[in-house]
Amino acid sequence: MFRVRKLRSQMRQPAGPCAAAQRIGGAGTVAELAVTATPAVILPYPYHADRQQHLNAARLAGAGGAIVCDDAADAPANAARLRDVLLPLMADAPRLEEMRRAAASVARGGAAQEVATWLVGHAAR
């Protein structure tokens, strides 16, 4: 079953109820996937010269919380690749649970508060 969810203001809400998500590899997106322990198939944006979205996804994928598929810059090729990865994944509840645990293991809950505290401390100097 697939559902489209409305964007919410709280990070734990948007992806959290999903069995798995297919997303791009932006830093905020990857952080959201980790914090919500959401298994993911990440299709990084292919046109960044420094491949930053691949780098963003590397830790989550390395831990086993995500699968990274290269964007072929060809919609039919991407659809076929995603189908080949997502359909077996969605039928494999034990693997999804392993991915959920792996994603949670790299989460940095409270990271925004840590950064804000650091900034306030340095601004006061």
Protein backbone atom coordinates (compact mmCIF):
# COMPACT_ATOMS: atom_id res chain seq x y z
CA MET A 1 0.00 0.00 0.00
CA PHE A 2 1.29 3.45 -0.87
CA ARG A 3 0.08 6.78 0.53
CA VAL A 4 0.93 10.37 -0.30
CA ARG A 5 1.41 12.36 2.89
CA LYS A 6 1.07 16.09 3.40
CA LEU A 7 4.26 17.97 4.35
CA ARG A 8 4.45 18.47 8.11
CA SER A 9 6.52 20.79 10.25
CA GLN A 10 7.86 18.10 12.59
CA MET A 11 10.75 16.02 11.21
CA ARG A 12 9.60 12.75 12.80
CA GLN A 13 6.22 12.89 11.05
CA PRO A 14 6.68 12.97 7.24
CA ALA A 15 8.57 9.76 6.56
CA GLY A 16 8.05 7.96 9.85
CA PRO A 17 4.87 6.06 8.96
CA CYS A 18 6.33 4.78 5.67
CA ALA A 19 7.40 1.18 5.15
CA ALA A 20 10.10 2.59 2.86
CA ALA A 21 10.74 5.75 0.88
CA GLN A 22 12.26 6.61 -2.47
CA ARG A 23 13.99 9.98 -2.20
CA ILE A 24 16.77 12.13 -3.60
CA GLY A 25 19.93 12.52 -1.55
CA GLY A 26 19.80 16.02 -0.13
CA ALA A 27 21.37 16.45 3.30
CA GLY A 28 18.08 17.30 5.00
CA THR A 29 16.34 14.37 3.34
CA VAL A 30 19.03 11.90 4.41
CA ALA A 31 18.91 13.27 7.98
CA GLU A 32 15.12 12.90 8.02
CA LEU A 33 15.37 9.31 6.83
CA ALA A 34 17.85 8.48 9.61
CA VAL A 35 15.94 10.26 12.39
CA THR A 36 12.67 8.61 11.38
CA ALA A 37 14.39 5.22 10.86
CA THR A 38 12.87 4.98 7.40
CA PRO A 39 14.39 2.45 4.98
CA ALA A 40 15.07 4.17 1.69
CA VAL A 41 16.07 3.86 -1.91
CA ILE A 42 18.00 7.03 -2.68
CA LEU A 43 18.34 8.33 -6.23
CA PRO A 44 20.90 11.16 -5.92
CA TYR A 45 20.60 14.17 -8.20
CA PRO A 46 23.10 13.39 -10.99
CA TYR A 47 24.18 16.86 -12.07
CA HIS A 48 26.21 18.09 -9.08
CA ALA A 49 29.86 18.17 -10.16
CA ASP A 50 30.97 17.15 -6.66
CA ARG A 51 28.34 14.37 -6.37
CA GLN A 52 27.28 15.84 -3.02
CA GLN A 53 24.06 13.85 -2.82
CA HIS A 54 26.04 10.61 -3.18
CA LEU A 55 28.23 11.79 -0.31
CA ASN A 56 25.16 12.67 1.77
CA ALA A 57 23.73 9.18 1.27
CA ALA A 58 27.00 7.29 1.83
CA ARG A 59 26.82 6.91 5.63
CA LEU A 60 23.18 5.84 5.65
CA ALA A 61 23.77 3.37 2.81
CA GLY A 62 27.02 2.15 4.36
CA ALA A 63 25.18 1.34 7.58
CA GLY A 64 22.56 -0.58 5.60
CA GLY A 65 19.69 1.89 6.05
CA ALA A 66 19.44 2.82 2.38
CA ILE A 67 20.11 1.56 -1.12
CA VAL A 68 21.65 4.08 -3.51
CA CYS A 69 20.72 3.84 -7.18
CA ASP A 70 22.51 6.05 -9.68
CA ASP A 71 20.25 8.36 -11.67
CA ALA A 72 20.60 7.40 -15.33
CA ALA A 73 19.16 10.80 -16.36
CA ASP A 74 16.64 8.75 -18.34
CA ALA A 75 13.14 8.39 -16.90
CA PRO A 76 12.33 4.94 -18.34
CA ALA A 77 15.71 3.54 -17.22
CA ASN A 78 15.25 5.03 -13.74
CA ALA A 79 11.71 3.65 -13.48
CA ALA A 80 12.90 0.17 -14.44
CA ARG A 81 15.80 0.27 -11.96
CA LEU A 82 13.61 1.55 -9.14
CA ARG A 83 10.98 -1.10 -9.88
CA ASP A 84 13.68 -3.80 -9.77
CA VAL A 85 14.87 -2.55 -6.38
CA LEU A 86 11.63 -1.44 -4.71
CA LEU A 87 9.29 -4.32 -5.50
CA PRO A 88 11.43 -7.04 -3.89
CA LEU A 89 12.28 -4.71 -1.01
CA MET A 90 8.63 -3.97 -0.24
CA ALA A 91 7.96 -7.73 -0.07
CA ASP A 92 10.85 -8.38 2.35
CA ALA A 93 9.69 -7.39 5.84
CA PRO A 94 12.81 -8.74 7.61
CA ARG A 95 15.09 -6.69 5.35
CA LEU A 96 12.98 -3.56 5.90
CA GLU A 97 13.31 -4.09 9.66
CA GLU A 98 17.09 -4.49 9.33
CA MET A 99 17.21 -1.29 7.27
CA ARG A 100 15.08 0.52 9.87
CA ARG A 101 17.49 -0.47 12.65
CA ALA A 102 20.48 0.51 10.50
CA ALA A 103 18.99 3.90 9.70
CA ALA A 104 18.27 4.56 13.37
CA SER A 105 21.87 3.68 14.23
CA VAL A 106 23.23 6.66 12.31
CA ALA A 107 20.60 9.18 13.44
CA ARG A 108 21.72 12.26 15.32
CA GLY A 109 18.60 13.24 17.20
CA GLY A 110 19.01 16.72 18.64
CA ALA A 111 21.63 17.74 16.07
CA ALA A 112 19.83 21.00 15.28
CA GLN A 113 19.88 21.92 18.98
CA GLU A 114 23.61 21.09 19.17
CA VAL A 115 24.34 23.37 16.20
CA ALA A 116 22.19 26.18 17.60
CA THR A 117 23.90 25.94 21.00
CA TRP A 118 27.32 26.02 19.33
CA LEU A 119 26.36 29.05 17.23
CA VAL A 120 24.96 30.98 20.22
CA GLY A 121 28.09 30.17 22.22
CA HIS A 122 30.39 31.41 19.47
CA ALA A 123 28.30 34.50 18.75
CA ALA A 124 28.62 35.55 22.39
CA ARG A 125 32.44 35.60 22.20
